[in-house]
Amino acid sequence: RLEDRAFNSAGKQHLRETKQSETGEATKRSYERNKNISDVTTQHQQKCAQTQIRTCIYMYIYTYVHTRTHRCVHPYEYRFRNVQKRRE
């Protein structure tokens, strides 16, 4: 699934950076980034509690890691928007 692949690639990048951490510099960067991601994720969870959290958070971390922006991506909402319209 797309969400899992996205999350995995973020995880792989993190592992790569961890491997480079002999200098200590990469560790610091990685720590900062993860701290940032968890702060962002917390804010995002508060805004996002009514949607499918797991999918949403995975995609959010993915877009943050890869684009460095705090843009919210809702694949769940996007995918099922039409279904919900029909139900209403």
Protein backbone atom coordinates (compact mmCIF):
# COMPACT_ATOMS: atom_id res chain seq x y z
CA ARG A 1 0.00 0.00 0.00
CA LEU A 2 1.10 3.52 -0.81
CA GLU A 3 1.01 4.69 2.81
CA ASP A 4 3.22 1.80 3.94
CA ARG A 5 5.68 2.34 1.11
CA ALA A 6 5.86 6.04 1.92
CA PHE A 7 6.46 5.36 5.59
CA ASN A 8 9.05 2.70 4.81
CA SER A 9 11.05 4.99 2.56
CA ALA A 10 11.07 7.62 5.31
CA GLY A 11 12.29 4.91 7.68
CA LYS A 12 15.02 3.84 5.26
CA GLN A 13 16.26 7.40 4.93
CA HIS A 14 16.39 7.60 8.71
CA LEU A 15 18.45 4.39 8.84
CA ARG A 16 20.85 5.73 6.23
CA GLU A 17 21.38 8.87 8.28
CA THR A 18 21.84 6.81 11.43
CA LYS A 19 24.57 4.80 9.69
CA GLN A 20 26.41 8.00 8.81
CA SER A 21 26.39 9.06 12.43
CA GLU A 22 30.08 8.32 13.14
CA THR A 23 30.62 12.06 12.81
CA GLY A 24 27.90 12.73 15.38
CA GLU A 25 26.67 15.48 13.10
CA ALA A 26 24.20 13.22 11.31
CA THR A 27 22.86 11.97 14.63
CA LYS A 28 22.18 15.50 15.71
CA ARG A 29 20.44 16.31 12.41
CA SER A 30 18.45 13.11 12.59
CA TYR A 31 17.41 13.82 16.19
CA GLU A 32 16.37 17.36 15.30
CA ARG A 33 14.37 16.13 12.35
CA ASN A 34 12.62 13.41 14.33
CA LYS A 35 11.83 15.85 17.12
CA ASN A 36 10.43 18.20 14.52
CA ILE A 37 8.40 15.42 12.92
CA SER A 38 6.97 14.33 16.25
CA ASP A 39 6.02 17.94 17.14
CA VAL A 40 4.40 18.38 13.75
CA THR A 41 2.69 15.02 14.03
CA THR A 42 1.25 15.94 17.43
CA GLN A 43 -0.18 19.18 16.09
CA HIS A 44 -1.44 17.29 13.08
CA GLN A 45 -3.13 14.61 15.18
CA GLN A 46 -5.04 17.29 17.04
CA LYS A 47 -6.29 18.79 13.77
CA CYS A 48 -6.86 15.43 12.20
CA ALA A 49 -8.42 13.25 14.87
CA GLN A 50 -11.65 12.71 12.92
CA THR A 51 -9.97 11.18 9.85
CA GLN A 52 -8.16 7.89 9.55
CA ILE A 53 -5.18 8.81 11.73
CA ARG A 54 -2.79 6.09 10.61
CA THR A 55 -2.98 6.76 6.89
CA CYS A 56 -3.00 10.47 7.45
CA ILE A 57 0.01 10.53 9.77
CA TYR A 58 2.07 8.24 7.54
CA MET A 59 1.48 10.44 4.54
CA TYR A 60 2.09 13.55 6.59
CA ILE A 61 5.46 12.33 7.85
CA TYR A 62 6.31 11.22 4.33
CA THR A 63 5.55 14.63 2.80
CA TYR A 64 7.41 16.36 5.61
CA VAL A 65 10.52 14.19 5.26
CA HIS A 66 10.62 14.44 1.49
CA THR A 67 9.52 18.03 0.91
CA ARG A 68 10.34 19.65 4.28
CA THR A 69 6.93 21.31 4.25
CA HIS A 70 4.15 21.04 6.80
CA ARG A 71 1.57 20.39 4.14
CA CYS A 72 -1.22 18.04 5.19
CA VAL A 73 -2.06 15.26 2.76
CA HIS A 74 -5.27 13.31 3.27
CA PRO A 75 -5.25 10.32 0.93
CA TYR A 76 -8.20 8.90 2.88
CA GLU A 77 -10.33 12.00 2.44
CA TYR A 78 -9.24 12.37 -1.16
CA ARG A 79 -9.96 8.76 -2.05
CA PHE A 80 -13.36 8.59 -0.41
CA ARG A 81 -14.61 12.13 -1.00
CA ASN A 82 -16.84 11.01 -3.87
CA VAL A 83 -18.24 8.10 -1.87
CA GLN A 84 -19.14 10.44 0.98
CA LYS A 85 -20.83 12.86 -1.43
CA ARG A 86 -22.95 10.04 -2.80
CA ARG A 87 -23.94 8.97 0.72
CA GLU A 88 -25.07 12.49 1.62
